[in-house]
């Protein structure tokens, strides 16, 4: 397991942002993505009667809607043991295969580093 202190400062930043949106909005998940220009997009999970999106899907959608052409990295703060396949697919669609997806717990501790496949 990679310690948070061993991460690149920009990766620490997106974990921190994902953690804070989760706490601030009181949602099950928080996520942040960094696009090819270094801009970040932060989102919580969406749970409406007519629309359900994970936090990571929402963050990717926000990046696309803002004109991002690619992703450098993604982070999600969740109680899940691993990123959902749909989340990895969304990151892959914009960032390409191999884009890192960092999964952290509510305490911000990195639990898993996966790659979009």
N, C-alpha and C. Protein backbone atom coordinates (compact mmCIF):
# COMPACT_ATOMS: atom_id res chain seq x y z
N UNK A 1 0.85 -1.18 0.00
CA UNK A 1 0.00 0.00 0.00
C UNK A 1 0.90 1.24 0.00
N UNK A 2 0.61 2.18 -0.88
CA UNK A 2 1.35 3.43 -0.95
C UNK A 2 0.85 4.39 0.11
N UNK A 3 1.76 4.95 0.87
CA UNK A 3 1.37 5.93 1.88
C UNK A 3 1.05 7.26 1.19
N UNK A 4 0.13 8.00 1.75
CA UNK A 4 -0.26 9.30 1.19
C UNK A 4 0.94 10.23 1.13
N UNK A 5 1.84 10.12 2.10
CA UNK A 5 3.02 10.98 2.13
C UNK A 5 3.98 10.67 1.00
N UNK A 6 3.87 9.50 0.38
CA UNK A 6 4.73 9.11 -0.73
C UNK A 6 4.17 9.52 -2.08
N UNK A 7 2.98 10.07 -2.09
CA UNK A 7 2.34 10.46 -3.34
C UNK A 7 2.85 11.80 -3.84
N UNK A 8 2.71 11.99 -5.13
CA UNK A 8 2.98 13.27 -5.77
C UNK A 8 2.06 14.33 -5.13
N UNK A 9 2.54 15.55 -4.94
CA UNK A 9 1.69 16.59 -4.33
C UNK A 9 0.37 16.81 -5.07
N UNK A 10 0.37 16.69 -6.39
CA UNK A 10 -0.87 16.88 -7.15
C UNK A 10 -1.85 15.74 -6.91
N UNK A 11 -1.34 14.53 -6.68
CA UNK A 11 -2.22 13.40 -6.34
C UNK A 11 -2.78 13.57 -4.93
N UNK A 12 -1.97 14.05 -4.01
CA UNK A 12 -2.46 14.35 -2.66
C UNK A 12 -3.60 15.37 -2.73
N UNK A 13 -3.43 16.35 -3.59
CA UNK A 13 -4.42 17.41 -3.73
C UNK A 13 -5.77 16.86 -4.16
N UNK A 14 -5.79 15.98 -5.16
CA UNK A 14 -7.10 15.49 -5.62
C UNK A 14 -7.75 14.57 -4.59
N UNK A 15 -6.94 13.85 -3.80
CA UNK A 15 -7.51 13.05 -2.72
C UNK A 15 -8.13 13.98 -1.67
N UNK A 16 -7.42 15.03 -1.31
CA UNK A 16 -7.92 15.99 -0.33
C UNK A 16 -9.21 16.64 -0.81
N UNK A 17 -9.25 17.02 -2.09
CA UNK A 17 -10.46 17.62 -2.64
C UNK A 17 -11.63 16.64 -2.64
N UNK A 18 -11.37 15.40 -3.01
CA UNK A 18 -12.42 14.37 -3.01
C UNK A 18 -12.95 14.13 -1.60
N UNK A 19 -12.05 14.10 -0.67
CA UNK A 19 -12.43 13.89 0.73
C UNK A 19 -13.30 15.06 1.23
N UNK A 20 -12.91 16.27 0.90
CA UNK A 20 -13.66 17.42 1.42
C UNK A 20 -15.04 17.54 0.80
N UNK A 21 -15.19 17.21 -0.50
CA UNK A 21 -16.53 17.29 -1.10
C UNK A 21 -17.44 16.23 -0.49
N UNK A 22 -16.89 15.07 -0.19
CA UNK A 22 -17.69 14.01 0.44
C UNK A 22 -18.20 14.47 1.80
N UNK A 23 -17.31 15.04 2.59
CA UNK A 23 -17.70 15.51 3.93
C UNK A 23 -18.64 16.71 3.86
N UNK A 24 -18.32 17.66 3.01
CA UNK A 24 -19.11 18.89 2.91
C UNK A 24 -20.54 18.61 2.44
N UNK A 25 -20.68 17.71 1.48
CA UNK A 25 -22.00 17.44 0.91
C UNK A 25 -22.72 16.29 1.59
N UNK A 26 -22.04 15.57 2.48
CA UNK A 26 -22.67 14.46 3.18
C UNK A 26 -23.11 13.35 2.24
N UNK A 27 -22.29 13.07 1.23
CA UNK A 27 -22.62 12.04 0.24
C UNK A 27 -21.75 10.80 0.46
N UNK A 28 -22.15 9.71 -0.17
CA UNK A 28 -21.44 8.44 0.01
C UNK A 28 -20.03 8.46 -0.56
N UNK A 29 -19.82 9.21 -1.62
CA UNK A 29 -18.52 9.27 -2.27
C UNK A 29 -18.18 10.70 -2.67
N UNK A 30 -16.91 10.98 -2.69
CA UNK A 30 -16.40 12.22 -3.25
C UNK A 30 -15.32 11.85 -4.25
N UNK A 31 -15.18 12.64 -5.30
CA UNK A 31 -14.17 12.34 -6.32
C UNK A 31 -13.60 13.63 -6.87
N UNK A 32 -12.41 13.50 -7.42
CA UNK A 32 -11.76 14.62 -8.12
C UNK A 32 -10.95 14.04 -9.26
N UNK A 33 -10.92 14.76 -10.37
CA UNK A 33 -10.09 14.38 -11.50
C UNK A 33 -9.24 15.57 -11.91
N UNK A 34 -8.07 15.28 -12.45
CA UNK A 34 -7.17 16.32 -12.95
C UNK A 34 -7.04 16.12 -14.45
N UNK A 35 -7.32 17.18 -15.21
CA UNK A 35 -7.27 17.05 -16.67
C UNK A 35 -5.86 17.28 -17.20
N UNK A 36 -5.74 17.24 -18.50
CA UNK A 36 -4.43 17.32 -19.16
C UNK A 36 -3.75 18.68 -18.99
N UNK A 37 -4.50 19.69 -18.56
CA UNK A 37 -3.92 21.01 -18.35
C UNK A 37 -3.66 21.30 -16.88
N UNK A 38 -4.02 20.34 -16.00
CA UNK A 38 -3.83 20.53 -14.57
C UNK A 38 -5.06 21.04 -13.85
N UNK A 39 -6.13 21.33 -14.57
CA UNK A 39 -7.37 21.77 -13.91
C UNK A 39 -8.00 20.60 -13.17
N UNK A 40 -8.66 20.89 -12.06
CA UNK A 40 -9.32 19.83 -11.30
C UNK A 40 -10.83 20.04 -11.30
N UNK A 41 -11.53 18.93 -11.24
CA UNK A 41 -12.99 18.92 -11.20
C UNK A 41 -13.38 18.03 -10.03
N UNK A 42 -14.24 18.52 -9.16
CA UNK A 42 -14.60 17.84 -7.92
C UNK A 42 -16.11 17.61 -7.91
N UNK A 43 -16.51 16.42 -7.45
CA UNK A 43 -17.94 16.11 -7.42
C UNK A 43 -18.25 15.08 -6.33
N UNK A 44 -19.48 15.11 -5.89
CA UNK A 44 -19.99 14.07 -5.01
C UNK A 44 -20.91 13.16 -5.80
N UNK A 45 -21.29 12.07 -5.19
CA UNK A 45 -22.23 11.16 -5.85
C UNK A 45 -23.58 11.85 -6.00
N UNK A 46 -24.32 11.47 -7.04
CA UNK A 46 -25.64 12.03 -7.34
C UNK A 46 -26.66 10.92 -7.14
N UNK A 47 -27.64 11.16 -6.30
CA UNK A 47 -28.66 10.15 -6.03
C UNK A 47 -30.04 10.81 -6.08
N UNK A 48 -30.48 11.06 -7.31
CA UNK A 48 -31.83 11.58 -7.54
C UNK A 48 -32.73 10.41 -7.93
N UNK A 49 -34.00 10.64 -7.85
CA UNK A 49 -34.92 9.57 -8.25
C UNK A 49 -34.72 9.19 -9.71
N UNK A 50 -34.45 10.18 -10.56
CA UNK A 50 -34.32 9.91 -11.99
C UNK A 50 -32.87 9.81 -12.48
N UNK A 51 -31.90 10.04 -11.61
CA UNK A 51 -30.50 10.05 -12.05
C UNK A 51 -29.59 9.58 -10.92
N UNK A 52 -28.79 8.59 -11.21
CA UNK A 52 -27.80 8.09 -10.24
C UNK A 52 -26.45 8.04 -10.93
N UNK A 53 -25.50 8.77 -10.35
CA UNK A 53 -24.12 8.78 -10.85
C UNK A 53 -23.18 8.66 -9.67
N UNK A 54 -22.13 7.90 -9.86
CA UNK A 54 -21.11 7.87 -8.82
C UNK A 54 -20.38 9.21 -8.82
N UNK A 55 -19.65 9.46 -7.78
CA UNK A 55 -18.88 10.71 -7.70
C UNK A 55 -17.87 10.79 -8.84
N UNK A 56 -17.22 9.69 -9.14
CA UNK A 56 -16.21 9.71 -10.20
C UNK A 56 -16.85 9.92 -11.57
N UNK A 57 -17.98 9.31 -11.83
CA UNK A 57 -18.68 9.55 -13.09
C UNK A 57 -19.07 11.02 -13.21
N UNK A 58 -19.53 11.60 -12.11
CA UNK A 58 -19.93 13.01 -12.12
C UNK A 58 -18.73 13.91 -12.38
N UNK A 59 -17.61 13.63 -11.73
CA UNK A 59 -16.40 14.45 -11.93
C UNK A 59 -15.91 14.35 -13.37
N UNK A 60 -15.95 13.15 -13.95
CA UNK A 60 -15.54 12.99 -15.35
C UNK A 60 -16.50 13.77 -16.25
N UNK A 61 -17.79 13.68 -15.99
CA UNK A 61 -18.78 14.41 -16.79
C UNK A 61 -18.54 15.92 -16.70
N UNK A 62 -18.21 16.41 -15.51
CA UNK A 62 -17.92 17.84 -15.35
C UNK A 62 -16.70 18.24 -16.16
N UNK A 63 -15.68 17.39 -16.17
CA UNK A 63 -14.48 17.68 -16.95
C UNK A 63 -14.81 17.74 -18.45
N UNK A 64 -15.56 16.76 -18.92
CA UNK A 64 -15.95 16.74 -20.34
C UNK A 64 -16.78 17.98 -20.68
N UNK A 65 -17.75 18.31 -19.83
CA UNK A 65 -18.61 19.46 -20.07
C UNK A 65 -17.83 20.78 -20.06
N UNK A 66 -16.68 20.77 -19.41
CA UNK A 66 -15.84 21.98 -19.34
C UNK A 66 -14.78 22.01 -20.44
N UNK A 67 -14.78 21.02 -21.31
CA UNK A 67 -13.87 21.02 -22.44
C UNK A 67 -12.58 20.23 -22.28
N UNK A 68 -12.45 19.47 -21.21
CA UNK A 68 -11.23 18.67 -21.03
C UNK A 68 -11.09 17.66 -22.17
N UNK A 69 -9.86 17.48 -22.62
CA UNK A 69 -9.58 16.54 -23.70
C UNK A 69 -8.94 15.26 -23.19
N UNK A 70 -8.55 15.23 -21.92
CA UNK A 70 -7.93 14.04 -21.35
C UNK A 70 -7.80 14.18 -19.85
N UNK A 71 -7.42 13.10 -19.19
CA UNK A 71 -7.21 13.09 -17.75
C UNK A 71 -5.81 12.62 -17.42
N UNK A 72 -5.23 13.23 -16.40
CA UNK A 72 -3.94 12.77 -15.88
C UNK A 72 -4.13 11.79 -14.73
N UNK A 73 -5.14 12.01 -13.89
CA UNK A 73 -5.37 11.17 -12.73
C UNK A 73 -6.76 11.40 -12.17
N UNK A 74 -7.22 10.45 -11.37
CA UNK A 74 -8.52 10.53 -10.72
C UNK A 74 -8.39 10.01 -9.30
N UNK A 75 -9.23 10.52 -8.41
CA UNK A 75 -9.26 10.04 -7.03
C UNK A 75 -10.71 9.93 -6.59
N UNK A 76 -10.97 8.92 -5.79
CA UNK A 76 -12.30 8.74 -5.21
C UNK A 76 -12.13 8.38 -3.74
N UNK A 77 -12.96 8.99 -2.91
CA UNK A 77 -13.00 8.68 -1.49
C UNK A 77 -14.31 7.96 -1.25
N UNK A 78 -14.19 6.73 -0.77
CA UNK A 78 -15.35 5.86 -0.67
C UNK A 78 -15.08 4.78 0.36
N UNK A 79 -16.16 4.12 0.79
CA UNK A 79 -16.02 2.96 1.67
C UNK A 79 -15.85 1.68 0.87
N UNK A 80 -15.93 1.77 -0.45
CA UNK A 80 -15.80 0.59 -1.31
C UNK A 80 -14.39 0.00 -1.23
N UNK A 81 -14.30 -1.29 -1.49
CA UNK A 81 -13.01 -1.98 -1.46
C UNK A 81 -12.19 -1.72 -2.72
N UNK A 82 -12.88 -1.41 -3.80
CA UNK A 82 -12.21 -1.12 -5.07
C UNK A 82 -13.10 -0.25 -5.93
N UNK A 83 -12.51 0.46 -6.89
CA UNK A 83 -13.34 1.30 -7.77
C UNK A 83 -14.30 0.43 -8.59
N UNK A 84 -15.48 0.94 -8.81
CA UNK A 84 -16.47 0.24 -9.63
C UNK A 84 -16.00 0.19 -11.08
N UNK A 85 -16.37 -0.85 -11.78
CA UNK A 85 -15.99 -1.00 -13.19
C UNK A 85 -16.49 0.18 -14.01
N UNK A 86 -17.70 0.67 -13.72
CA UNK A 86 -18.24 1.81 -14.46
C UNK A 86 -17.40 3.07 -14.23
N UNK A 87 -16.84 3.22 -13.04
CA UNK A 87 -15.96 4.36 -12.76
C UNK A 87 -14.66 4.25 -13.56
N UNK A 88 -14.08 3.06 -13.56
CA UNK A 88 -12.85 2.85 -14.33
C UNK A 88 -13.10 3.09 -15.82
N UNK A 89 -14.26 2.67 -16.30
CA UNK A 89 -14.61 2.88 -17.72
C UNK A 89 -14.74 4.37 -18.04
N UNK A 90 -15.36 5.13 -17.15
CA UNK A 90 -15.52 6.58 -17.39
C UNK A 90 -14.16 7.26 -17.44
N UNK A 91 -13.26 6.89 -16.52
CA UNK A 91 -11.91 7.46 -16.52
C UNK A 91 -11.17 7.05 -17.80
N UNK A 92 -11.31 5.81 -18.19
CA UNK A 92 -10.65 5.32 -19.42
C UNK A 92 -11.17 6.07 -20.65
N UNK A 93 -12.47 6.31 -20.71
CA UNK A 93 -13.05 7.00 -21.86
C UNK A 93 -12.42 8.37 -22.10
N UNK A 94 -12.11 9.08 -21.03
CA UNK A 94 -11.52 10.41 -21.19
C UNK A 94 -10.01 10.40 -21.06
N UNK A 95 -9.49 9.58 -20.17
CA UNK A 95 -8.05 9.60 -19.90
C UNK A 95 -7.25 8.55 -20.63
N UNK A 96 -7.92 7.52 -21.11
CA UNK A 96 -7.22 6.43 -21.76
C UNK A 96 -6.86 5.34 -20.78
N UNK A 97 -6.57 4.16 -21.31
CA UNK A 97 -6.17 3.03 -20.47
C UNK A 97 -4.88 3.40 -19.74
N UNK A 98 -4.79 3.00 -18.50
CA UNK A 98 -3.60 3.27 -17.71
C UNK A 98 -3.66 4.53 -16.87
N UNK A 99 -4.72 5.33 -17.00
CA UNK A 99 -4.87 6.51 -16.17
C UNK A 99 -5.02 6.07 -14.72
N UNK A 100 -4.21 6.61 -13.80
CA UNK A 100 -4.30 6.17 -12.40
C UNK A 100 -5.59 6.63 -11.73
N UNK A 101 -6.16 5.70 -10.95
CA UNK A 101 -7.35 5.97 -10.15
C UNK A 101 -6.97 5.65 -8.71
N UNK A 102 -6.97 6.66 -7.86
CA UNK A 102 -6.59 6.51 -6.46
C UNK A 102 -7.84 6.35 -5.62
N UNK A 103 -7.89 5.28 -4.82
CA UNK A 103 -9.02 5.04 -3.94
C UNK A 103 -8.56 5.26 -2.50
N UNK A 104 -9.24 6.16 -1.82
CA UNK A 104 -8.90 6.47 -0.43
C UNK A 104 -10.13 6.29 0.45
N UNK A 105 -9.87 6.07 1.74
CA UNK A 105 -10.94 5.96 2.72
C UNK A 105 -11.36 7.34 3.19
N UNK A 106 -12.36 7.36 4.04
CA UNK A 106 -12.89 8.63 4.56
C UNK A 106 -11.84 9.42 5.32
N UNK A 107 -10.83 8.74 5.85
CA UNK A 107 -9.76 9.41 6.57
C UNK A 107 -8.69 9.97 5.63
N UNK A 108 -8.85 9.74 4.33
CA UNK A 108 -7.90 10.24 3.34
C UNK A 108 -6.74 9.31 3.08
N UNK A 109 -6.68 8.19 3.80
CA UNK A 109 -5.59 7.24 3.60
C UNK A 109 -5.78 6.48 2.29
N UNK A 110 -4.74 6.47 1.48
CA UNK A 110 -4.79 5.75 0.21
C UNK A 110 -4.89 4.25 0.48
N UNK A 111 -5.90 3.62 -0.12
CA UNK A 111 -6.09 2.18 0.06
C UNK A 111 -5.72 1.39 -1.17
N UNK A 112 -5.85 2.02 -2.34
CA UNK A 112 -5.60 1.28 -3.57
C UNK A 112 -5.27 2.25 -4.69
N UNK A 113 -4.33 1.86 -5.51
CA UNK A 113 -4.02 2.61 -6.73
C UNK A 113 -4.33 1.66 -7.89
N UNK A 114 -5.34 2.00 -8.67
CA UNK A 114 -5.75 1.18 -9.80
C UNK A 114 -5.46 1.94 -11.08
N UNK A 115 -5.67 1.28 -12.18
CA UNK A 115 -5.54 1.94 -13.49
C UNK A 115 -6.81 1.71 -14.27
N UNK A 116 -7.23 2.74 -14.99
CA UNK A 116 -8.40 2.60 -15.86
C UNK A 116 -8.06 1.56 -16.91
N UNK A 117 -8.95 0.62 -17.09
CA UNK A 117 -8.70 -0.46 -18.06
C UNK A 117 -9.88 -0.69 -18.95
